[in-house]
Amino acid sequence: MHEIKVFENGPLDVEVRSLRKDGQTWLVLMDVARVFGYRDSGRVLHLLRDSQYIQADEDIKEELGVRGRAPYLVNEGGFYRLALSSGRPEAEPFQIWVEEEVLPTLRKGYEAGIDVLEETQARVAELEARNAKLEVAAKKADEYAEGVYHTMLRYQKETDRENRFQKEEWEKAKDFWANAYMRMREEAGRICEEYGISEDRLPIV
């Protein structure tokens, strides 16, 4: 959407509509032609070079509120060309007004827009650089977390393996001492039977 600026001059009883398109200032040709005394804005096209005017597209036409055929727009070079070609004394005050108020105001607004654009672009670049650093930091954090997870998993496996080993060794020890105790009881019983001694007199539980 284009920002349409309307400049009015009460003493001269004139109105000029303007806009910015593709980084260039354009004035509505019918407004300029009316003040310079050109009754038919379409006929003044032959006074302009092809690079000094364009026909508005449908979007601009709707924004200007124009019915019928899309209006023509004239740039600064075309404006000065029409001013010189007019030759009407009453056109001079209008030319001065446009030169000293309309065009400088448009340029100032455009330069302010450029400043805002550059500031925005710098801010975007700063945020992109910061996001890039955050992405690197996040990647390192993920790698560290993954390393910690695998270390803990490996430690858990080793602990489980050690616990299983200790349990197996404990079971083996119990079996060994149980078997040793049984063999000792059997040997003690044999000795008691051989010598006619009661097992109750032996200090073996």
Protein backbone atom coordinates (compact mmCIF):
# COMPACT_ATOMS: atom_id res chain seq x y z
CA MET A 1 0.00 0.00 0.00
CA HIS A 2 1.27 3.45 -0.93
CA GLU A 3 1.04 6.46 1.36
CA ILE A 4 -0.84 9.14 -0.51
CA LYS A 5 0.10 12.66 0.56
CA VAL A 6 -2.19 15.54 -0.37
CA PHE A 7 -0.70 19.04 -0.46
CA GLU A 8 -3.10 21.95 -0.46
CA ASN A 9 -2.43 25.62 -1.01
CA GLY A 10 -5.37 27.79 -0.03
CA PRO A 11 -4.19 31.08 -1.53
CA LEU A 12 -3.45 29.37 -4.84
CA ASP A 13 -6.56 27.19 -4.54
CA VAL A 14 -4.66 24.11 -5.68
CA GLU A 15 -4.28 20.53 -4.51
CA VAL A 16 -1.59 18.06 -5.49
CA ARG A 17 -1.57 14.38 -4.63
CA SER A 18 1.76 12.58 -4.39
CA LEU A 19 3.18 9.21 -3.44
CA ARG A 20 6.39 7.19 -3.27
CA LYS A 21 6.85 4.31 -5.68
CA ASP A 22 10.02 2.26 -6.14
CA GLY A 23 12.01 4.83 -4.16
CA GLN A 24 10.90 7.76 -6.34
CA THR A 25 8.50 10.66 -5.82
CA TRP A 26 5.53 10.82 -8.20
CA LEU A 27 2.88 13.53 -8.57
CA VAL A 28 -0.57 12.97 -10.06
CA LEU A 29 -0.30 14.38 -13.56
CA MET A 30 -3.87 15.67 -13.76
CA ASP A 31 -3.26 17.79 -10.63
CA VAL A 32 -0.05 19.26 -12.06
CA ALA A 33 -1.57 19.84 -15.48
CA ARG A 34 -4.58 21.64 -13.99
CA VAL A 35 -2.44 24.18 -12.14
CA PHE A 36 -0.13 24.80 -15.08
CA GLY A 37 -3.15 25.48 -17.29
CA TYR A 38 -3.13 22.31 -19.35
CA ARG A 39 -6.79 21.51 -19.90
CA ASP A 40 -6.22 17.91 -20.98
CA SER A 41 -3.60 16.05 -18.97
CA GLY A 42 -3.49 13.32 -21.60
CA ARG A 43 -2.23 15.77 -24.24
CA VAL A 44 0.73 16.88 -22.17
CA LEU A 45 2.30 13.43 -22.39
CA HIS A 46 3.99 14.39 -25.66
CA LEU A 47 5.85 17.11 -23.72
CA LEU A 48 7.42 14.51 -21.43
CA ARG A 49 10.08 11.91 -21.97
CA ASP A 50 9.06 8.30 -21.46
CA SER A 51 11.11 8.12 -18.28
CA GLN A 52 9.26 11.08 -16.75
CA TYR A 53 5.80 9.57 -16.47
CA ILE A 54 4.07 6.27 -15.80
CA GLN A 55 0.50 5.10 -15.68
CA ALA A 56 -0.68 4.13 -12.20
CA ASP A 57 -1.47 0.47 -11.57
CA GLU A 58 -4.84 -0.68 -10.25
CA ASP A 59 -3.75 -0.55 -6.62
CA ILE A 60 -2.66 3.08 -6.85
CA LYS A 61 -5.78 3.91 -8.84
CA GLU A 62 -7.96 2.58 -6.02
CA GLU A 63 -5.89 4.35 -3.38
CA LEU A 64 -6.31 7.64 -5.23
CA GLY A 65 -10.06 7.03 -5.52
CA VAL A 66 -10.00 7.55 -9.31
CA ARG A 67 -12.74 6.09 -11.48
CA GLY A 68 -12.35 5.02 -15.05
CA ARG A 69 -8.92 4.89 -16.64
CA ALA A 70 -5.89 4.78 -14.34
CA PRO A 71 -4.28 8.23 -14.02
CA TYR A 72 -0.75 9.12 -15.08
CA LEU A 73 1.97 10.05 -12.63
CA VAL A 74 4.83 12.45 -13.29
CA ASN A 75 8.20 12.57 -11.53
CA GLU A 76 10.24 15.63 -10.53
CA GLY A 77 11.96 15.88 -13.90
CA GLY A 78 8.59 15.80 -15.66
CA PHE A 79 7.20 18.41 -13.29
CA TYR A 80 9.99 20.88 -14.12
CA ARG A 81 9.60 20.16 -17.82
CA LEU A 82 5.89 20.99 -17.68
CA ALA A 83 6.58 24.12 -15.63
CA LEU A 84 9.03 25.43 -18.25
CA SER A 85 6.70 24.50 -21.09
CA SER A 86 3.67 26.20 -19.56
CA GLY A 87 4.76 29.81 -20.00
CA ARG A 88 1.83 31.00 -17.90
CA PRO A 89 2.75 33.73 -15.36
CA GLU A 90 0.21 32.38 -12.85
CA ALA A 91 2.05 29.04 -12.87
CA GLU A 92 5.15 30.53 -11.26
CA PRO A 93 3.73 30.77 -7.68
CA PHE A 94 2.66 27.14 -7.90
CA GLN A 95 6.09 26.11 -9.16
CA ILE A 96 7.73 27.94 -6.23
CA TRP A 97 5.33 26.27 -3.78
CA VAL A 98 6.08 22.80 -5.12
CA GLU A 99 9.84 23.43 -5.17
CA GLU A 100 10.02 24.92 -1.67
CA GLU A 101 7.38 22.90 0.20
CA VAL A 102 5.99 19.86 -1.58
CA LEU A 103 9.16 18.21 -2.91
CA PRO A 104 11.35 18.93 0.17
CA THR A 105 8.62 17.50 2.43
CA LEU A 106 8.47 14.34 0.33
CA ARG A 107 12.27 13.99 0.33
CA LYS A 108 12.41 14.51 4.11
CA GLY A 109 9.77 11.86 4.67
CA TYR A 110 11.58 9.47 2.37
CA GLU A 111 14.93 10.06 4.11
CA ALA A 112 13.27 9.43 7.48
CA GLY A 113 11.90 6.19 6.08
CA ILE A 114 15.38 5.24 4.91
CA ASP A 115 16.76 5.91 8.40
CA VAL A 116 14.08 3.71 9.94
CA LEU A 117 14.74 1.03 7.34
CA GLU A 118 18.49 1.07 7.99
CA GLU A 119 17.91 0.97 11.74
CA THR A 120 15.53 -1.95 11.32
CA GLN A 121 17.96 -3.79 9.09
CA ALA A 122 20.76 -3.27 11.63
CA ARG A 123 18.50 -4.55 14.40
CA VAL A 124 17.57 -7.61 12.33
CA ALA A 125 21.26 -8.31 11.64
CA GLU A 126 22.01 -8.00 15.37
CA LEU A 127 19.19 -10.40 16.26
CA GLU A 128 20.30 -12.86 13.59
CA ALA A 129 23.86 -12.81 14.97
CA ARG A 130 22.55 -13.33 18.49
CA ASN A 131 20.31 -16.18 17.34
CA ALA A 132 23.29 -17.78 15.61
CA LYS A 133 25.27 -17.65 18.88
CA LEU A 134 22.31 -19.07 20.78
CA GLU A 135 22.03 -21.91 18.27
CA VAL A 136 25.73 -22.74 18.76
CA ALA A 137 25.32 -22.62 22.54
CA ALA A 138 22.19 -24.79 22.36
CA LYS A 139 24.01 -27.31 20.18
CA LYS A 140 26.91 -27.50 22.64
CA ALA A 141 24.46 -27.87 25.53
CA ASP A 142 22.71 -30.72 23.71
CA GLU A 143 26.02 -32.42 23.03
CA TYR A 144 27.06 -32.04 26.67
CA ALA A 145 23.71 -33.37 27.92
CA GLU A 146 23.95 -36.32 25.54
CA GLY A 147 27.47 -37.06 26.79
CA VAL A 148 26.31 -36.93 30.41
CA TYR A 149 23.40 -39.23 29.60
CA HIS A 150 25.63 -41.83 27.95
CA THR A 151 28.11 -41.61 30.84
CA MET A 152 25.34 -42.19 33.37
CA LEU A 153 23.96 -45.05 31.29
CA ARG A 154 27.39 -46.67 31.09
CA TYR A 155 27.90 -46.21 34.85
CA GLN A 156 24.50 -47.76 35.54
CA LYS A 157 25.35 -50.77 33.38
CA GLU A 158 28.68 -51.20 35.13
CA THR A 159 27.01 -50.88 38.54
CA ASP A 160 24.37 -53.45 37.60
CA ARG A 161 27.06 -55.79 36.32
CA GLU A 162 29.06 -55.36 39.53
CA ASN A 163 25.96 -55.97 41.64
CA ARG A 164 25.17 -59.12 39.69
CA PHE A 165 28.77 -60.27 40.13
CA GLN A 166 28.67 -59.66 43.90
CA LYS A 167 25.36 -61.51 44.17
CA GLU A 168 26.73 -64.45 42.22
CA GLU A 169 29.86 -64.52 44.39
CA TRP A 170 27.73 -64.40 47.53
CA GLU A 171 25.63 -67.29 46.32
CA LYS A 172 28.78 -69.26 45.49
CA ALA A 173 30.20 -68.54 48.97
CA LYS A 174 26.99 -69.65 50.66
CA ASP A 175 26.97 -72.87 48.66
CA PHE A 176 30.63 -73.47 49.44
CA TRP A 177 30.23 -73.04 53.21
CA ALA A 178 27.00 -74.96 53.27
CA ASN A 179 28.65 -77.88 51.50
CA ALA A 180 31.70 -77.62 53.80
CA TYR A 181 29.45 -77.66 56.85
CA MET A 182 27.59 -80.71 55.60
CA ARG A 183 30.84 -82.53 54.86
CA MET A 184 32.12 -81.63 58.33
CA ARG A 185 28.95 -82.98 59.97
CA GLU A 186 29.19 -86.14 57.97
CA GLU A 187 32.85 -86.59 58.94
CA ALA A 188 32.05 -85.83 62.57
CA GLY A 189 29.25 -88.42 62.55
CA ARG A 190 31.54 -91.01 61.09
CA ILE A 191 34.17 -90.36 63.75
CA CYS A 192 31.60 -90.54 66.55
CA GLU A 193 30.26 -93.80 65.22
CA GLU A 194 33.78 -95.25 64.89
CA TYR A 195 34.74 -94.38 68.47
CA GLY A 196 31.33 -94.83 70.04
CA ILE A 197 30.97 -91.17 70.93
CA SER A 198 27.60 -89.39 70.97
CA GLU A 199 27.33 -86.48 68.52
CA ASP A 200 25.69 -84.40 71.24
CA ARG A 201 29.11 -84.15 72.93
CA LEU A 202 30.66 -82.53 69.88
CA PRO A 203 30.88 -78.68 69.83
CA ILE A 204 29.21 -78.48 66.41
CA VAL A 205 25.84 -76.86 65.99
